[in-house]
């Protein structure tokens, strides 16, 4: 009889642990909305007119090439400053979407395709743009589609 009571208590404890584990797993799953796709983000990007200075900054030649031309280097720095101002006017949770939109807009304006190395440079520059502006988030994931 004692063995049967012990076995019953053991099975009850095992059932309790399985239920508690399932409950814990269920309650720890948290789904968050996607703020970068929100209407508010799109409105902020529109207010900044699709970030034309960011588009210009992203499309300019690499800094290594600009060393030879101080005027172009100053122009790039000016576009960067104005781009940073535009990004600062956008909420933190919308900034990466804004950077991605600037890349997409620039792609639409390009005549013909870009070479793989040029695309990589644009994507890298876009990814690091918030860091260059001392803004959060420091880095963005770029979801570019090149034609």
N, C-alpha and C. Protein backbone atom coordinates (compact mmCIF):
# COMPACT_ATOMS: atom_id res chain seq x y z
N UNK A 1 0.82 -1.19 0.00
CA UNK A 1 0.00 0.00 0.00
C UNK A 1 0.87 1.27 0.00
N UNK A 2 1.95 1.25 0.75
CA UNK A 2 2.84 2.40 0.82
C UNK A 2 3.50 2.64 -0.54
N UNK A 3 3.82 1.53 -1.22
CA UNK A 3 4.42 1.67 -2.55
C UNK A 3 3.45 2.32 -3.52
N UNK A 4 2.19 1.97 -3.41
CA UNK A 4 1.17 2.53 -4.30
C UNK A 4 0.97 4.02 -4.02
N UNK A 5 0.98 4.41 -2.76
CA UNK A 5 0.84 5.82 -2.40
C UNK A 5 2.06 6.61 -2.89
N UNK A 6 3.24 6.02 -2.73
CA UNK A 6 4.46 6.69 -3.20
C UNK A 6 4.43 6.86 -4.72
N UNK A 7 4.01 5.81 -5.44
CA UNK A 7 3.93 5.87 -6.89
C UNK A 7 2.91 6.92 -7.34
N UNK A 8 1.78 7.00 -6.64
CA UNK A 8 0.76 8.01 -6.96
C UNK A 8 1.28 9.42 -6.74
N UNK A 9 1.98 9.64 -5.63
CA UNK A 9 2.54 10.96 -5.33
C UNK A 9 3.61 11.33 -6.37
N UNK A 10 4.41 10.33 -6.76
CA UNK A 10 5.45 10.57 -7.75
C UNK A 10 4.84 10.97 -9.10
N UNK A 11 3.82 10.25 -9.54
CA UNK A 11 3.15 10.57 -10.81
C UNK A 11 2.48 11.94 -10.76
N UNK A 12 1.89 12.27 -9.62
CA UNK A 12 1.26 13.58 -9.46
C UNK A 12 2.31 14.69 -9.53
N UNK A 13 3.46 14.49 -8.91
CA UNK A 13 4.54 15.48 -8.96
C UNK A 13 5.07 15.62 -10.39
N UNK A 14 5.21 14.50 -11.08
CA UNK A 14 5.67 14.52 -12.46
C UNK A 14 4.68 15.27 -13.36
N UNK A 15 3.40 15.03 -13.17
CA UNK A 15 2.37 15.74 -13.92
C UNK A 15 2.41 17.23 -13.62
N UNK A 16 2.60 17.59 -12.37
CA UNK A 16 2.69 19.00 -11.97
C UNK A 16 3.87 19.69 -12.65
N UNK A 17 5.04 19.03 -12.67
CA UNK A 17 6.23 19.60 -13.31
C UNK A 17 6.03 19.77 -14.81
N UNK A 18 5.41 18.80 -15.46
CA UNK A 18 5.17 18.91 -16.90
C UNK A 18 4.23 20.07 -17.20
N UNK A 19 3.20 20.25 -16.40
CA UNK A 19 2.25 21.35 -16.59
C UNK A 19 2.93 22.68 -16.33
N UNK A 20 3.72 22.77 -15.27
CA UNK A 20 4.41 24.02 -14.94
C UNK A 20 5.41 24.38 -16.03
N UNK A 21 6.11 23.39 -16.56
CA UNK A 21 7.07 23.65 -17.62
C UNK A 21 6.36 24.16 -18.87
N UNK A 22 5.25 23.55 -19.22
CA UNK A 22 4.50 23.99 -20.39
C UNK A 22 3.98 25.41 -20.18
N UNK A 23 3.51 25.71 -18.98
CA UNK A 23 3.01 27.05 -18.68
C UNK A 23 4.14 28.07 -18.77
N UNK A 24 5.29 27.73 -18.24
CA UNK A 24 6.43 28.64 -18.28
C UNK A 24 6.82 28.94 -19.72
N UNK A 25 6.90 27.93 -20.53
CA UNK A 25 7.26 28.13 -21.93
C UNK A 25 6.21 29.00 -22.62
N UNK A 26 4.97 28.75 -22.35
CA UNK A 26 3.90 29.52 -22.97
C UNK A 26 3.95 30.98 -22.54
N UNK A 27 4.24 31.24 -21.28
CA UNK A 27 4.21 32.61 -20.81
C UNK A 27 5.47 33.40 -21.15
N UNK A 28 6.54 32.73 -21.54
CA UNK A 28 7.75 33.47 -21.87
C UNK A 28 7.81 33.89 -23.34
N UNK A 29 6.90 33.43 -24.15
CA UNK A 29 6.87 33.83 -25.55
C UNK A 29 6.23 35.20 -25.63
N UNK A 30 7.02 36.17 -26.11
CA UNK A 30 6.53 37.54 -26.22
C UNK A 30 6.66 37.96 -27.67
N UNK A 31 5.56 38.38 -28.25
CA UNK A 31 5.60 38.87 -29.61
C UNK A 31 5.47 40.37 -29.58
N UNK A 32 6.37 41.03 -30.26
CA UNK A 32 6.34 42.49 -30.32
C UNK A 32 5.93 42.91 -31.71
N UNK A 33 5.30 44.06 -31.77
CA UNK A 33 4.94 44.62 -33.06
C UNK A 33 6.18 45.08 -33.81
N UNK A 34 6.01 45.43 -35.04
CA UNK A 34 7.12 45.87 -35.87
C UNK A 34 7.00 47.37 -36.07
N UNK A 35 7.64 48.21 -35.21
CA UNK A 35 7.43 49.65 -35.28
C UNK A 35 7.92 50.29 -36.57
N UNK A 36 8.92 49.68 -37.22
CA UNK A 36 9.47 50.32 -38.42
C UNK A 36 8.49 50.28 -39.58
N UNK A 37 7.48 49.41 -39.50
CA UNK A 37 6.49 49.34 -40.57
C UNK A 37 5.27 50.18 -40.26
N UNK A 38 5.30 50.87 -39.15
CA UNK A 38 4.12 51.61 -38.72
C UNK A 38 3.84 52.83 -39.58
N UNK A 39 2.61 53.23 -39.56
CA UNK A 39 2.20 54.43 -40.30
C UNK A 39 2.96 55.65 -39.80
N UNK A 40 3.20 55.72 -38.51
CA UNK A 40 3.91 56.88 -37.95
C UNK A 40 5.32 56.99 -38.53
N UNK A 41 6.00 55.86 -38.69
CA UNK A 41 7.35 55.90 -39.29
C UNK A 41 7.28 56.40 -40.72
N UNK A 42 6.33 55.89 -41.49
CA UNK A 42 6.20 56.34 -42.88
C UNK A 42 5.93 57.84 -42.95
N UNK A 43 5.10 58.33 -42.03
CA UNK A 43 4.80 59.77 -42.01
C UNK A 43 6.05 60.59 -41.68
N UNK A 44 6.85 60.11 -40.73
CA UNK A 44 8.08 60.83 -40.37
C UNK A 44 9.05 60.86 -41.56
N UNK A 45 9.16 59.76 -42.26
CA UNK A 45 10.05 59.70 -43.43
C UNK A 45 9.55 60.66 -44.50
N UNK A 46 8.24 60.70 -44.71
CA UNK A 46 7.67 61.63 -45.68
C UNK A 46 7.94 63.08 -45.28
N UNK A 47 7.81 63.37 -43.98
CA UNK A 47 8.07 64.73 -43.50
C UNK A 47 9.49 65.16 -43.81
N UNK A 48 10.40 64.23 -43.77
CA UNK A 48 11.80 64.53 -44.08
C UNK A 48 12.08 64.39 -45.58
N UNK A 49 11.03 64.30 -46.37
CA UNK A 49 11.11 64.28 -47.84
C UNK A 49 12.02 63.16 -48.36
N UNK A 50 11.88 61.98 -47.79
CA UNK A 50 12.64 60.79 -48.21
C UNK A 50 14.15 60.93 -48.00
N UNK A 51 14.55 61.84 -47.12
CA UNK A 51 15.96 62.02 -46.74
C UNK A 51 16.90 62.23 -47.94
N UNK A 52 16.70 63.29 -48.70
CA UNK A 52 17.53 63.50 -49.90
C UNK A 52 19.02 63.63 -49.59
N UNK A 53 19.38 64.22 -48.45
CA UNK A 53 20.81 64.35 -48.14
C UNK A 53 21.42 63.00 -47.81
N UNK A 54 20.64 62.13 -47.18
CA UNK A 54 21.15 60.78 -46.92
C UNK A 54 21.34 60.03 -48.24
N UNK A 55 20.40 60.21 -49.16
CA UNK A 55 20.52 59.58 -50.47
C UNK A 55 21.80 60.05 -51.17
N UNK A 56 22.04 61.35 -51.13
CA UNK A 56 23.24 61.90 -51.78
C UNK A 56 24.51 61.38 -51.10
N UNK A 57 24.50 61.36 -49.78
CA UNK A 57 25.67 60.88 -49.05
C UNK A 57 25.95 59.42 -49.41
N UNK A 58 24.90 58.60 -49.46
CA UNK A 58 25.08 57.18 -49.74
C UNK A 58 25.59 56.93 -51.16
N UNK A 59 25.26 57.79 -52.08
CA UNK A 59 25.61 57.54 -53.47
C UNK A 59 26.97 58.11 -53.87
N UNK A 60 27.59 58.88 -52.99
CA UNK A 60 28.88 59.48 -53.35
C UNK A 60 30.00 58.46 -53.29
N UNK A 61 31.08 58.82 -53.92
CA UNK A 61 32.23 57.93 -53.99
C UNK A 61 32.81 57.65 -52.61
N UNK A 62 33.63 56.62 -52.56
CA UNK A 62 34.22 56.23 -51.28
C UNK A 62 35.15 57.33 -50.77
N UNK A 63 35.33 57.41 -49.45
CA UNK A 63 36.20 58.43 -48.86
C UNK A 63 37.64 58.36 -49.38
N UNK A 64 38.10 57.18 -49.75
CA UNK A 64 39.46 57.03 -50.25
C UNK A 64 39.65 57.77 -51.58
N UNK A 65 38.61 57.76 -52.42
CA UNK A 65 38.68 58.46 -53.69
C UNK A 65 38.58 59.97 -53.50
N UNK A 66 37.88 60.40 -52.45
CA UNK A 66 37.64 61.83 -52.23
C UNK A 66 38.86 62.57 -51.71
N UNK A 67 39.84 61.85 -51.20
CA UNK A 67 41.04 62.49 -50.68
C UNK A 67 41.70 63.33 -51.77
N UNK A 68 41.56 62.90 -53.00
CA UNK A 68 42.18 63.61 -54.11
C UNK A 68 41.42 64.87 -54.50
N UNK A 69 40.17 64.99 -54.07
CA UNK A 69 39.36 66.14 -54.46
C UNK A 69 38.73 66.78 -53.22
N UNK A 70 39.36 67.79 -52.64
CA UNK A 70 38.86 68.40 -51.41
C UNK A 70 37.45 68.98 -51.54
N UNK A 71 37.09 69.49 -52.71
CA UNK A 71 35.76 70.06 -52.89
C UNK A 71 34.69 68.97 -52.76
N UNK A 72 34.92 67.82 -53.38
CA UNK A 72 33.97 66.71 -53.27
C UNK A 72 33.93 66.18 -51.84
N UNK A 73 35.07 66.18 -51.18
CA UNK A 73 35.11 65.72 -49.80
C UNK A 73 34.27 66.63 -48.91
N UNK A 74 34.39 67.93 -49.08
CA UNK A 74 33.59 68.88 -48.30
C UNK A 74 32.10 68.72 -48.61
N UNK A 75 31.78 68.47 -49.87
CA UNK A 75 30.38 68.26 -50.26
C UNK A 75 29.82 67.02 -49.58
N UNK A 76 30.60 65.95 -49.53
CA UNK A 76 30.16 64.73 -48.88
C UNK A 76 29.95 64.96 -47.38
N UNK A 77 30.86 65.68 -46.74
CA UNK A 77 30.72 65.97 -45.32
C UNK A 77 29.48 66.83 -45.05
N UNK A 78 29.19 67.74 -45.96
CA UNK A 78 27.99 68.57 -45.81
C UNK A 78 26.73 67.71 -45.93
N UNK A 79 26.71 66.80 -46.90
CA UNK A 79 25.55 65.91 -47.03
C UNK A 79 25.41 65.03 -45.79
N UNK A 80 26.52 64.58 -45.24
CA UNK A 80 26.47 63.77 -44.03
C UNK A 80 25.88 64.57 -42.88
N UNK A 81 26.34 65.80 -42.68
CA UNK A 81 25.80 66.64 -41.59
C UNK A 81 24.29 66.85 -41.75
N UNK A 82 23.87 67.16 -42.98
CA UNK A 82 22.45 67.39 -43.21
C UNK A 82 21.64 66.10 -43.10
N UNK A 83 22.23 64.99 -43.50
CA UNK A 83 21.59 63.69 -43.33
C UNK A 83 21.41 63.38 -41.85
N UNK A 84 22.43 63.64 -41.06
CA UNK A 84 22.34 63.41 -39.61
C UNK A 84 21.23 64.25 -39.00
N UNK A 85 21.08 65.47 -39.46
CA UNK A 85 20.00 66.33 -38.97
C UNK A 85 18.64 65.73 -39.34
N UNK A 86 18.52 65.23 -40.56
CA UNK A 86 17.27 64.61 -40.98
C UNK A 86 16.97 63.38 -40.12
N UNK A 87 17.99 62.54 -39.88
CA UNK A 87 17.78 61.34 -39.07
C UNK A 87 17.46 61.69 -37.62
N UNK A 88 18.03 62.77 -37.12
CA UNK A 88 17.76 63.19 -35.75
C UNK A 88 16.30 63.60 -35.59
N UNK A 89 15.68 64.06 -36.66
CA UNK A 89 14.28 64.46 -36.61
C UNK A 89 13.32 63.28 -36.66
N UNK A 90 13.86 62.07 -36.80
CA UNK A 90 13.06 60.86 -36.88
C UNK A 90 13.23 60.08 -35.59
N UNK A 91 12.13 59.53 -35.06
CA UNK A 91 12.18 58.75 -33.83
C UNK A 91 13.17 57.59 -33.97
N UNK A 92 13.81 57.25 -32.86
CA UNK A 92 14.83 56.19 -32.85
C UNK A 92 14.32 54.89 -33.45
N UNK A 93 13.09 54.49 -33.11
CA UNK A 93 12.57 53.21 -33.60
C UNK A 93 12.25 53.24 -35.10
N UNK A 94 12.27 54.41 -35.70
CA UNK A 94 11.98 54.55 -37.14
C UNK A 94 13.24 54.80 -37.97
N UNK A 95 14.37 55.00 -37.34
CA UNK A 95 15.56 55.43 -38.08
C UNK A 95 16.06 54.40 -39.09
N UNK A 96 16.08 53.14 -38.70
CA UNK A 96 16.59 52.13 -39.64
C UNK A 96 15.66 52.01 -40.84
N UNK A 97 14.37 52.11 -40.62
CA UNK A 97 13.44 52.10 -41.75
C UNK A 97 13.69 53.31 -42.64
N UNK A 98 14.01 54.45 -42.05
CA UNK A 98 14.30 55.65 -42.83
C UNK A 98 15.57 55.46 -43.66
N UNK A 99 16.60 54.86 -43.07
CA UNK A 99 17.85 54.61 -43.81
C UNK A 99 17.58 53.64 -44.96
N UNK A 100 16.80 52.59 -44.70
CA UNK A 100 16.45 51.65 -45.76
C UNK A 100 15.67 52.34 -46.87
N UNK A 101 14.78 53.24 -46.50
CA UNK A 101 14.01 53.97 -47.50
C UNK A 101 14.92 54.87 -48.34
N UNK A 102 15.91 55.49 -47.73
CA UNK A 102 16.87 56.31 -48.48
C UNK A 102 17.63 55.45 -49.50
N UNK A 103 18.01 54.24 -49.09
CA UNK A 103 18.69 53.33 -50.02
C UNK A 103 17.76 52.96 -51.17
N UNK A 104 16.50 52.62 -50.85
CA UNK A 104 15.54 52.26 -51.91
C UNK A 104 15.30 53.42 -52.87
N UNK A 105 15.14 54.62 -52.33
CA UNK A 105 14.92 55.79 -53.19
C UNK A 105 16.12 56.02 -54.10
N UNK A 106 17.30 55.86 -53.56
CA UNK A 106 18.50 56.05 -54.36
C UNK A 106 18.58 55.01 -55.46
N UNK A 107 18.18 53.78 -55.15
CA UNK A 107 18.18 52.72 -56.15
C UNK A 107 17.25 53.07 -57.31
N UNK A 108 16.10 53.61 -56.98
CA UNK A 108 15.12 53.95 -58.02
C UNK A 108 15.64 55.04 -58.95
N UNK A 109 16.50 55.91 -58.42
CA UNK A 109 17.01 57.02 -59.22
C UNK A 109 18.24 56.65 -60.04
N UNK A 110 18.83 55.52 -59.74
CA UNK A 110 20.05 55.12 -60.45
C UNK A 110 19.72 54.73 -61.89
N UNK A 111 20.56 55.13 -62.79
CA UNK A 111 20.45 54.69 -64.18
C UNK A 111 21.32 53.46 -64.34
N UNK A 112 20.70 52.36 -64.72
CA UNK A 112 21.45 51.13 -64.90
C UNK A 112 21.81 50.50 -63.56
N UNK A 113 22.43 49.35 -63.62
CA UNK A 113 22.80 48.65 -62.40
C UNK A 113 24.13 49.10 -61.86
N UNK A 114 24.37 48.81 -60.62
CA UNK A 114 25.66 49.11 -60.00
C UNK A 114 26.46 47.82 -59.93
N UNK A 115 27.75 47.98 -59.91
CA UNK A 115 28.62 46.84 -59.73
C UNK A 115 28.51 46.34 -58.29
N UNK A 116 28.83 45.07 -58.10
CA UNK A 116 28.69 44.45 -56.78
C UNK A 116 29.48 45.21 -55.71
N UNK A 117 30.68 45.64 -56.03
CA UNK A 117 31.50 46.35 -55.04
C UNK A 117 30.88 47.69 -54.67
N UNK A 118 30.33 48.40 -55.64
CA UNK A 118 29.67 49.67 -55.36
C UNK A 118 28.44 49.46 -54.47
N UNK A 119 27.67 48.42 -54.76
CA UNK A 119 26.49 48.11 -53.95
C UNK A 119 26.89 47.81 -52.51
N UNK A 120 27.96 47.02 -52.37
CA UNK A 120 28.43 46.67 -51.03
C UNK A 120 28.84 47.92 -50.27
N UNK A 121 29.51 48.85 -50.94
CA UNK A 121 29.93 50.09 -50.28
C UNK A 121 28.73 50.92 -49.84
N UNK A 122 27.71 51.01 -50.69
CA UNK A 122 26.51 51.77 -50.34
C UNK A 122 25.83 51.12 -49.14
N UNK A 123 25.69 49.80 -49.16
CA UNK A 123 25.04 49.09 -48.06
C UNK A 123 25.83 49.26 -46.77
N UNK A 124 27.16 49.18 -46.84
CA UNK A 124 27.99 49.35 -45.64
C UNK A 124 27.86 50.76 -45.10
N UNK A 125 27.89 51.75 -45.99
CA UNK A 125 27.75 53.14 -45.58
C UNK A 125 26.38 53.36 -44.93
N UNK A 126 25.34 52.76 -45.51
CA UNK A 126 23.99 52.90 -44.95
C UNK A 126 23.89 52.22 -43.60
N UNK A 127 24.46 51.04 -43.48
CA UNK A 127 24.41 50.29 -42.22
C UNK A 127 25.04 51.08 -41.08
N UNK A 128 26.13 51.77 -41.36
CA UNK A 128 26.86 52.51 -40.32
C UNK A 128 26.43 53.96 -40.17
N UNK A 129 25.45 54.38 -40.96
CA UNK A 129 25.05 55.79 -40.97
C UNK A 129 24.64 56.31 -39.59
N UNK A 130 23.79 55.61 -38.83
CA UNK A 130 23.44 56.14 -37.50
C UNK A 130 24.65 56.31 -36.58
N UNK A 131 25.59 55.38 -36.66
CA UNK A 131 26.81 55.50 -35.84
C UNK A 131 27.60 56.74 -36.25
N UNK A 132 27.71 57.00 -37.53
CA UNK A 132 28.43 58.20 -38.01
C UNK A 132 27.77 59.47 -37.50
N UNK A 133 26.46 59.40 -37.27
CA UNK A 133 25.70 60.56 -36.78
C UNK A 133 25.60 60.59 -35.25
N UNK A 134 26.23 59.62 -34.57
CA UNK A 134 26.12 59.49 -33.11
C UNK A 134 24.67 59.36 -32.66
N UNK A 135 23.91 58.53 -33.38
CA UNK A 135 22.51 58.30 -33.07
C UNK A 135 22.29 56.83 -32.75
N UNK A 136 21.21 56.57 -32.06
CA UNK A 136 20.80 55.19 -31.78
C UNK A 136 19.68 54.83 -32.74
N UNK A 137 19.58 53.59 -33.14
CA UNK A 137 20.54 52.51 -32.95
C UNK A 137 21.82 52.81 -33.74
N UNK A 138 22.90 52.24 -33.29
CA UNK A 138 24.20 52.53 -33.90
C UNK A 138 24.36 51.92 -35.28
N UNK A 139 23.62 50.86 -35.56
CA UNK A 139 23.76 50.17 -36.83
C UNK A 139 22.40 49.69 -37.31
N UNK A 140 22.19 49.67 -38.61
CA UNK A 140 20.93 49.22 -39.20
C UNK A 140 21.19 48.03 -40.12
N UNK A 141 20.23 47.14 -40.15
CA UNK A 141 20.29 46.05 -41.12
C UNK A 141 19.68 46.57 -42.42
N UNK A 142 20.42 46.47 -43.50
CA UNK A 142 19.96 47.01 -44.78
C UNK A 142 19.33 45.89 -45.59
N UNK A 143 18.12 46.16 -46.03
CA UNK A 143 17.37 45.19 -46.83
C UNK A 143 17.26 45.72 -48.26
N UNK A 144 18.38 45.83 -48.92
CA UNK A 144 18.42 46.44 -50.25
C UNK A 144 18.16 45.40 -51.33
N UNK A 145 17.46 45.83 -52.36
CA UNK A 145 17.23 45.01 -53.54
C UNK A 145 17.73 45.83 -54.72
N UNK A 146 18.77 45.34 -55.36
CA UNK A 146 19.37 46.10 -56.47
C UNK A 146 18.87 45.57 -57.78
N UNK A 147 18.69 46.47 -58.72
CA UNK A 147 18.18 46.12 -60.05
C UNK A 147 19.32 45.96 -61.02
